[in-house]
Amino acid sequence: MSNCDVTPLKVHQYCHLNRLFACALDMTMAVGQPPYTCACFYTDNIFLENFHLHVRYTDEQQFRRDYGKVLHRQGCQTPGQLRQVLETIEKEVQRRKKLGEESRKRRTEISLCYKPRHPELYVLQESFLAGEFLAAVKYSKSPQANLEGMVQHLHSITDKRIYQLPVFLPGFCTKLIEELENFEKSELPKGRPNTMNNYGILLNELGFVDTFTAALCEKYVKPIASLLYPDWGGGCLDSHRAFVVKYSLQEDLDLSGHYDNAEITLNVCLGKVFADGNLYFSDMREVPVNERKYAEVKHIIGQGVLHRGQHIHGALPITSGERWNLIIWMRASQYRNKLCPMCNKEPLLIETLGDGDGFTSTREDKAETVNICSLI
């Protein structure tokens, strides 16, 4: 733990909720209700940044057989280069296995040592939200609500079931970025969102989940999603993962095509001043590459884009300035318990020390469970 010169009397009030959440998490795990991930998390969708390639790795023989030719065509042509790729993969696998434990350590240290610049932001208020968003939510909860009426409150992106609407007021977006930059400047440990985004912040570690993003998902987004995506669990979303990503000329410029570990994704542009870097969407992951059609969506500060997690998408290069986006992966256990969205198979559940990936396990579940220690 870093030196933060904290005594019980100096711990700020805004840390209280974070500590309660950490204790609640520990108690939940203690009574036999651990979070789960699918075993594929440790073998699949490993991103090789230098080759813009997602790979699966179970052993070296399988990897050479499946990816040797494509890597050779992209410049990995010597034994030394291949060894470097294998070392990168092994490092990533080990990172994933320790992810839960490391995240809990960071969360505890941050809750004790970090002094927010804008502590009022940590509890969601309707004053943060755009009027158009509140109107859409109000309609979604009305007795006469239906898909046709819901779409009238949104901007539809072609025929791809992608929707855009204002979510946050610009003033809130400015303050949230100030808060995130304040945390970035601190010497506290920081977890990054994933292997594709090198710059960003995990909001669960910063203390935004229980009192902000959970409320946003359950009270506001879920009613809308239930009308837009009933076939993707929109009405039974029960967990989420929230993080912020950052793009600039000196850091991440763009984002390669991918699909999310989510049933439904909300992507909100927070700012700041930037040029280009549009989102692009092709088709759902099962559509053959040569048959996919693309559409672009422009980032507008305060506006969010709703889409299905399995919809292939990415971000074009930013050409100037700096952009921050809030990403929320929303999950529905009723759906993913039957079919993991990442490996497209019945999930092999593994207990994890982290927040898990939205899977649940009961005595009635048929899905097999494995202790993560057996994989390390």
Protein backbone atom coordinates (compact mmCIF):
# COMPACT_ATOMS: atom_id res chain seq x y z
CA MET A 1 0.00 0.00 0.00
CA SER A 2 1.27 3.49 -0.81
CA ASN A 3 1.84 6.00 1.97
CA CYS A 4 -1.35 8.06 2.27
CA ASP A 5 -1.03 9.20 5.89
CA VAL A 6 -4.54 8.10 6.82
CA THR A 7 -5.87 7.59 10.34
CA PRO A 8 -9.47 6.64 11.23
CA LEU A 9 -10.18 10.27 12.15
CA LYS A 10 -8.89 11.52 8.81
CA VAL A 11 -10.88 9.20 6.61
CA HIS A 12 -13.35 11.34 4.66
CA GLN A 13 -17.08 10.74 4.73
CA TYR A 14 -17.20 9.96 1.04
CA CYS A 15 -15.05 6.86 1.66
CA HIS A 16 -17.74 5.35 3.89
CA LEU A 17 -19.86 3.95 1.08
CA ASN A 18 -16.80 2.44 -0.58
CA ARG A 19 -15.80 0.63 2.58
CA LEU A 20 -19.33 -0.62 3.13
CA PHE A 21 -19.37 -1.97 -0.40
CA ALA A 22 -16.03 -3.73 0.07
CA CYS A 23 -17.31 -5.30 3.31
CA ALA A 24 -20.54 -6.35 1.62
CA LEU A 25 -18.56 -7.98 -1.17
CA ASP A 26 -16.44 -9.91 1.31
CA MET A 27 -19.53 -11.02 3.26
CA THR A 28 -21.26 -12.17 0.08
CA MET A 29 -18.29 -14.32 -0.84
CA ALA A 30 -18.02 -15.65 2.71
CA VAL A 31 -21.53 -17.08 2.71
CA GLY A 32 -20.92 -19.11 -0.44
CA GLN A 33 -22.15 -16.74 -3.15
CA PRO A 34 -18.97 -15.95 -5.10
CA PRO A 35 -18.99 -14.18 -8.45
CA TYR A 36 -18.23 -16.24 -11.53
CA THR A 37 -16.51 -15.93 -14.85
CA CYS A 38 -16.43 -18.38 -17.76
CA ALA A 39 -13.27 -20.46 -18.19
CA CYS A 40 -12.84 -18.93 -21.65
CA PHE A 41 -11.76 -15.69 -19.96
CA TYR A 42 -8.37 -17.34 -19.40
CA THR A 43 -7.95 -18.71 -22.93
CA ASP A 44 -10.00 -16.67 -25.43
CA ASN A 45 -10.07 -13.15 -26.86
CA ILE A 46 -6.47 -12.32 -26.01
CA PHE A 47 -5.63 -9.19 -27.98
CA LEU A 48 -2.23 -8.94 -29.69
CA GLU A 49 -1.93 -5.18 -30.14
CA ASN A 50 0.99 -5.28 -32.59
CA PHE A 51 -1.03 -7.49 -34.95
CA HIS A 52 -4.56 -6.12 -34.22
CA LEU A 53 -5.58 -9.73 -33.66
CA HIS A 54 -7.68 -11.55 -31.07
CA VAL A 55 -6.43 -15.07 -30.38
CA ARG A 56 -7.27 -18.16 -28.39
CA TYR A 57 -4.50 -19.89 -26.46
CA THR A 58 -4.66 -23.26 -24.73
CA ASP A 59 -1.13 -24.46 -25.48
CA GLU A 60 1.72 -23.65 -27.85
CA GLN A 61 0.89 -26.43 -30.31
CA GLN A 62 -2.70 -25.24 -30.70
CA PHE A 63 -1.55 -21.64 -31.06
CA ARG A 64 1.03 -22.40 -33.75
CA ARG A 65 -1.51 -24.46 -35.67
CA ASP A 66 -4.25 -21.85 -35.54
CA TYR A 67 -2.28 -18.62 -35.91
CA GLY A 68 1.19 -19.47 -37.25
CA LYS A 69 0.43 -18.60 -40.88
CA VAL A 70 -1.47 -15.38 -40.21
CA LEU A 71 1.21 -14.13 -37.83
CA HIS A 72 3.91 -14.99 -40.38
CA ARG A 73 2.10 -12.92 -43.01
CA GLN A 74 1.99 -10.00 -40.58
CA GLY A 75 5.73 -10.04 -39.89
CA CYS A 76 6.20 -12.59 -37.09
CA GLN A 77 8.71 -14.67 -39.01
CA THR A 78 11.52 -15.67 -36.64
CA PRO A 79 11.55 -17.99 -33.61
CA GLY A 80 12.51 -15.03 -31.46
CA GLN A 81 9.53 -13.00 -32.63
CA LEU A 82 7.17 -15.90 -31.99
CA ARG A 83 8.64 -16.41 -28.54
CA GLN A 84 7.99 -12.76 -27.77
CA VAL A 85 4.34 -13.20 -28.81
CA LEU A 86 4.00 -16.27 -26.60
CA GLU A 87 5.50 -14.38 -23.66
CA THR A 88 2.99 -11.57 -24.21
CA ILE A 89 0.14 -14.08 -24.13
CA GLU A 90 1.41 -15.78 -20.99
CA LYS A 91 1.77 -12.42 -19.27
CA GLU A 92 -1.82 -11.55 -20.16
CA VAL A 93 -3.16 -14.91 -18.96
CA GLN A 94 -1.41 -14.49 -15.62
CA ARG A 95 -2.76 -10.93 -15.35
CA ARG A 96 -6.30 -12.22 -15.83
CA LYS A 97 -5.86 -14.90 -13.18
CA LYS A 98 -4.74 -12.32 -10.62
CA LEU A 99 -7.21 -9.66 -11.76
CA GLY A 100 -9.79 -10.12 -9.00
CA GLU A 101 -7.31 -10.11 -6.14
CA GLU A 102 -5.40 -7.11 -7.49
CA SER A 103 -8.61 -5.17 -8.10
CA ARG A 104 -9.81 -5.68 -4.53
CA LYS A 105 -6.46 -4.45 -3.19
CA ARG A 106 -6.63 -1.32 -5.33
CA ARG A 107 -10.24 -0.66 -4.37
CA THR A 108 -9.42 -0.83 -0.67
CA GLU A 109 -6.44 1.50 -0.98
CA ILE A 110 -8.36 4.00 -3.12
CA SER A 111 -11.31 4.06 -0.70
CA LEU A 112 -8.99 4.91 2.18
CA CYS A 113 -6.60 7.32 0.48
CA TYR A 114 -8.26 9.12 -2.42
CA LYS A 115 -9.78 12.57 -1.91
CA PRO A 116 -12.31 13.32 -4.67
CA ARG A 117 -12.39 16.74 -6.28
CA HIS A 118 -16.16 16.53 -6.78
CA PRO A 119 -17.53 14.11 -4.12
CA GLU A 120 -21.11 15.10 -5.03
CA LEU A 121 -20.77 13.24 -8.35
CA TYR A 122 -20.55 9.83 -6.70
CA VAL A 123 -24.28 9.62 -6.05
CA LEU A 124 -26.46 9.79 -9.16
CA GLN A 125 -28.82 12.78 -9.26
CA GLU A 126 -31.46 13.50 -11.88
CA SER A 127 -29.94 16.97 -12.19
CA PHE A 128 -27.02 15.27 -13.99
CA LEU A 129 -29.32 13.85 -16.68
CA ALA A 130 -30.53 15.38 -19.93
CA GLY A 131 -34.21 16.24 -20.24
CA GLU A 132 -34.55 14.13 -23.39
CA PHE A 133 -33.20 11.13 -21.51
CA LEU A 134 -35.62 11.62 -18.63
CA ALA A 135 -38.50 11.91 -21.11
CA ALA A 136 -37.46 8.67 -22.81
CA VAL A 137 -37.27 6.89 -19.45
CA LYS A 138 -40.66 8.26 -18.43
CA TYR A 139 -42.20 6.96 -21.65
CA SER A 140 -40.54 3.54 -21.26
CA LYS A 141 -42.23 3.14 -17.86
CA SER A 142 -45.67 4.23 -19.06
CA PRO A 143 -48.50 1.65 -19.52
CA GLN A 144 -48.76 2.40 -23.25
CA ALA A 145 -45.03 2.03 -23.93
CA ASN A 146 -44.05 -0.02 -26.98
CA LEU A 147 -41.12 -0.32 -29.37
CA GLU A 148 -42.53 2.01 -32.00
CA GLY A 149 -43.18 4.75 -29.47
CA MET A 150 -39.81 4.22 -27.78
CA VAL A 151 -37.92 4.69 -31.04
CA GLN A 152 -39.59 8.09 -31.45
CA HIS A 153 -37.58 9.30 -28.45
CA LEU A 154 -34.26 8.13 -29.94
CA HIS A 155 -32.10 8.60 -33.00
CA SER A 156 -31.94 5.28 -34.88
CA ILE A 157 -28.73 4.39 -36.72
CA THR A 158 -29.85 2.80 -40.02
CA ASP A 159 -31.41 -0.63 -39.51
CA LYS A 160 -28.79 -1.98 -37.12
CA ARG A 161 -30.73 -1.56 -33.86
CA ILE A 162 -28.26 1.08 -32.71
CA TYR A 163 -29.75 4.07 -30.91
CA GLN A 164 -28.36 7.41 -29.83
CA LEU A 165 -29.81 9.88 -27.32
CA PRO A 166 -28.69 12.57 -24.86
CA VAL A 167 -27.88 11.07 -21.44
CA PHE A 168 -25.88 13.60 -19.41
CA LEU A 169 -25.84 17.38 -19.32
CA PRO A 170 -22.59 18.99 -20.57
CA GLY A 171 -21.85 20.53 -17.17
CA PHE A 172 -21.90 17.12 -15.53
CA CYS A 173 -19.59 15.70 -18.22
CA THR A 174 -17.07 18.48 -17.56
CA LYS A 175 -17.07 17.84 -13.82
CA LEU A 176 -16.77 14.08 -14.27
CA ILE A 177 -13.70 14.49 -16.48
CA GLU A 178 -12.21 16.83 -13.88
CA GLU A 179 -12.78 14.10 -11.28
CA LEU A 180 -11.19 11.44 -13.47
CA GLU A 181 -8.19 13.65 -14.23
CA ASN A 182 -7.79 14.35 -10.54
CA PHE A 183 -7.62 10.62 -9.86
CA GLU A 184 -5.20 10.07 -12.76
CA LYS A 185 -2.83 12.62 -11.22
CA SER A 186 -2.77 10.78 -7.89
CA GLU A 187 -0.12 8.22 -7.06
CA LEU A 188 -2.71 5.59 -6.18
CA PRO A 189 -2.72 2.27 -8.09
CA LYS A 190 -4.91 2.16 -11.18
CA GLY A 191 -6.42 -0.77 -13.01
CA ARG A 192 -7.01 -0.46 -16.75
CA PRO A 193 -10.24 -1.49 -18.49
CA ASN A 194 -8.86 -4.24 -20.76
CA THR A 195 -6.00 -5.15 -23.07
CA MET A 196 -7.44 -3.03 -25.90
CA ASN A 197 -7.66 0.18 -23.87
CA ASN A 198 -4.38 1.18 -22.27
CA TYR A 199 -5.76 4.42 -20.87
CA GLY A 200 -8.89 4.57 -18.75
CA ILE A 201 -10.32 4.03 -15.28
CA LEU A 202 -12.33 1.21 -13.69
CA LEU A 203 -15.27 2.90 -12.02
CA ASN A 204 -15.87 0.08 -9.54
CA GLU A 205 -12.43 0.71 -8.07
CA LEU A 206 -13.05 4.45 -7.84
CA GLY A 207 -16.35 3.96 -6.00
CA PHE A 208 -18.95 4.88 -8.62
CA VAL A 209 -20.76 1.57 -8.99
CA ASP A 210 -23.24 1.11 -6.14
CA THR A 211 -24.43 4.70 -5.91
CA PHE A 212 -24.06 5.81 -9.52
CA THR A 213 -23.77 3.33 -12.37
CA ALA A 214 -25.95 0.65 -10.72
CA ALA A 215 -28.72 3.21 -10.25
CA LEU A 216 -28.26 4.49 -13.80
CA CYS A 217 -28.62 0.99 -15.23
CA GLU A 218 -31.50 -0.24 -13.08
CA LYS A 219 -33.69 2.84 -12.82
CA TYR A 220 -33.06 4.54 -16.16
CA VAL A 221 -31.45 2.38 -18.84
CA LYS A 222 -33.12 -0.96 -18.12
CA PRO A 223 -36.70 0.23 -18.86
CA ILE A 224 -35.54 1.55 -22.24
CA ALA A 225 -33.52 -1.59 -22.99
CA SER A 226 -36.50 -3.80 -22.15
CA LEU A 227 -38.36 -2.28 -25.11
CA LEU A 228 -35.43 -2.08 -27.53
CA TYR A 229 -33.80 -5.45 -26.81
CA PRO A 230 -36.27 -7.90 -25.24
CA ASP A 231 -34.56 -10.72 -27.16
CA TRP A 232 -31.18 -9.81 -25.64
CA GLY A 233 -32.17 -9.69 -21.98
CA GLY A 234 -33.06 -6.00 -21.94
CA GLY A 235 -35.77 -6.59 -19.37
CA CYS A 236 -33.69 -8.76 -17.03
CA LEU A 237 -30.35 -6.95 -16.84
CA ASP A 238 -28.95 -7.73 -13.41
CA SER A 239 -25.28 -6.76 -13.37
CA HIS A 240 -22.85 -4.51 -15.18
CA ARG A 241 -19.24 -3.46 -15.63
CA ALA A 242 -18.47 0.25 -15.92
CA PHE A 243 -15.28 1.96 -16.98
CA VAL A 244 -14.00 5.07 -18.74
CA VAL A 245 -11.66 5.04 -21.74
CA LYS A 246 -9.45 7.85 -22.96
CA TYR A 247 -8.15 8.64 -26.47
CA SER A 248 -5.54 11.22 -27.48
CA LEU A 249 -2.65 11.63 -29.94
CA GLN A 250 -0.12 10.70 -27.25
CA GLU A 251 -2.07 7.68 -25.98
CA ASP A 252 -4.66 5.37 -27.56
CA LEU A 253 -5.66 6.70 -30.97
CA ASP A 254 -8.31 4.19 -31.98
CA LEU A 255 -9.93 0.87 -31.12
CA SER A 256 -9.87 -2.24 -33.29
CA GLY A 257 -13.09 -4.04 -34.19
CA HIS A 258 -14.41 -6.28 -31.43
CA TYR A 259 -17.54 -7.37 -29.55
CA ASP A 260 -18.26 -6.79 -25.86
CA ASN A 261 -18.69 -9.11 -22.90
CA ALA A 262 -22.20 -7.75 -22.52
CA GLU A 263 -25.75 -8.32 -23.63
CA ILE A 264 -26.23 -4.57 -24.10
CA THR A 265 -23.69 -1.74 -24.11
CA LEU A 266 -24.09 1.96 -23.33
CA ASN A 267 -21.30 4.22 -24.64
CA VAL A 268 -21.50 7.89 -23.58
CA CYS A 269 -19.15 10.57 -24.91
CA LEU A 270 -18.00 12.79 -22.03
CA GLY A 271 -15.70 15.19 -23.96
CA LYS A 272 -13.31 17.02 -24.11
CA VAL A 273 -12.38 18.82 -27.36
CA PHE A 274 -11.47 16.42 -30.16
CA ALA A 275 -11.69 15.75 -33.88
CA ASP A 276 -12.76 12.56 -35.65
CA GLY A 277 -12.57 9.16 -33.95
CA ASN A 278 -16.11 8.14 -34.90
CA LEU A 279 -17.56 4.85 -33.71
CA TYR A 280 -18.03 2.31 -36.48
CA PHE A 281 -20.37 -0.67 -36.53
CA SER A 282 -20.49 -3.58 -38.93
CA ASP A 283 -22.86 -6.46 -38.16
CA MET A 284 -23.38 -9.08 -35.51
CA ARG A 285 -20.43 -11.39 -34.92
CA GLU A 286 -22.03 -14.37 -36.70
CA VAL A 287 -22.25 -12.48 -40.01
CA PRO A 288 -19.35 -13.48 -42.34
CA VAL A 289 -16.71 -10.77 -42.72
CA ASN A 290 -17.25 -10.41 -46.47
CA GLU A 291 -20.98 -9.77 -45.92
CA ARG A 292 -20.72 -7.10 -43.24
CA LYS A 293 -21.92 -3.57 -43.91
CA TYR A 294 -20.54 -0.64 -41.99
CA ALA A 295 -22.05 2.49 -40.44
CA GLU A 296 -20.41 5.33 -38.53
CA VAL A 297 -21.73 7.16 -35.48
CA LYS A 298 -20.38 10.58 -34.52
CA HIS A 299 -19.49 11.24 -30.89
CA ILE A 300 -21.55 14.04 -29.34
CA ILE A 301 -20.70 15.21 -25.84
CA GLY A 302 -23.32 14.01 -23.35
CA GLN A 303 -24.95 11.62 -25.80
CA GLY A 304 -24.97 7.85 -25.41
CA VAL A 305 -25.08 5.04 -27.95
CA LEU A 306 -27.00 1.87 -27.09
CA HIS A 307 -26.19 -1.33 -28.95
CA ARG A 308 -26.08 -5.08 -28.55
CA GLY A 309 -22.82 -6.33 -27.08
CA GLN A 310 -22.32 -8.88 -29.86
CA HIS A 311 -22.44 -6.17 -32.52
CA ILE A 312 -18.94 -5.82 -34.03
CA HIS A 313 -17.72 -2.26 -33.51
CA GLY A 314 -14.63 -0.12 -33.00
CA ALA A 315 -13.39 3.48 -33.02
CA LEU A 316 -11.62 5.28 -35.85
CA PRO A 317 -8.43 7.24 -35.08
CA ILE A 318 -8.74 10.54 -33.29
CA THR A 319 -6.87 13.27 -35.20
CA SER A 320 -6.61 15.98 -32.53
CA GLY A 321 -7.56 16.72 -28.96
CA GLU A 322 -8.66 14.30 -26.28
CA ARG A 323 -11.82 12.25 -25.80
CA TRP A 324 -13.21 10.42 -22.76
CA ASN A 325 -16.05 7.89 -23.01
CA LEU A 326 -18.06 6.17 -20.31
CA ILE A 327 -18.68 2.51 -21.20
CA ILE A 328 -21.20 0.32 -19.38
CA TRP A 329 -21.43 -3.37 -20.24
CA MET A 330 -24.84 -4.56 -19.02
CA ARG A 331 -25.37 -8.26 -18.42
CA ALA A 332 -28.40 -10.56 -18.08
CA SER A 333 -27.56 -13.76 -16.18
CA GLN A 334 -30.65 -15.54 -17.53
CA TYR A 335 -29.12 -15.35 -21.00
CA ARG A 336 -25.40 -15.76 -20.37
CA ASN A 337 -25.90 -18.67 -17.97
CA LYS A 338 -27.05 -20.63 -21.00
CA LEU A 339 -24.58 -19.29 -23.57
CA CYS A 340 -21.38 -17.39 -22.83
CA PRO A 341 -21.24 -14.35 -25.15
CA MET A 342 -17.48 -14.60 -25.49
CA CYS A 343 -16.91 -18.26 -26.41
CA ASN A 344 -20.47 -18.85 -27.69
CA LYS A 345 -20.71 -22.07 -25.66
CA GLU A 346 -22.40 -23.21 -22.49
CA PRO A 347 -20.30 -21.54 -19.79
CA LEU A 348 -17.84 -23.47 -17.67
CA LEU A 349 -18.13 -21.36 -14.52
CA ILE A 350 -15.10 -20.48 -12.43
CA GLU A 351 -15.24 -18.77 -9.05
CA THR A 352 -13.33 -15.49 -9.02
CA LEU A 353 -12.22 -13.05 -6.36
CA GLY A 354 -13.31 -10.12 -8.51
CA ASP A 355 -16.73 -8.89 -9.53
CA GLY A 356 -17.23 -11.69 -12.03
CA ASP A 357 -18.77 -11.42 -15.48
CA GLY A 358 -22.46 -11.54 -14.72
CA PHE A 359 -22.87 -15.31 -14.44
CA THR A 360 -24.77 -16.86 -11.55
CA SER A 361 -24.85 -20.36 -10.16
CA THR A 362 -27.56 -22.06 -8.08
CA ARG A 363 -28.14 -25.67 -7.13
CA GLU A 364 -30.50 -25.96 -10.07
CA ASP A 365 -27.88 -24.76 -12.54
CA LYS A 366 -26.47 -27.43 -14.80
CA ALA A 367 -23.38 -25.42 -15.66
CA GLU A 368 -20.21 -26.98 -14.26
CA THR A 369 -18.16 -24.90 -11.83
CA VAL A 370 -14.41 -24.98 -11.28
CA ASN A 371 -12.23 -23.32 -8.67
CA ILE A 372 -9.82 -20.82 -10.21
CA CYS A 373 -6.96 -22.19 -8.10
CA SER A 374 -7.05 -25.35 -10.21
CA LEU A 375 -6.11 -23.27 -13.27
CA ILE A 376 -3.16 -21.43 -11.80
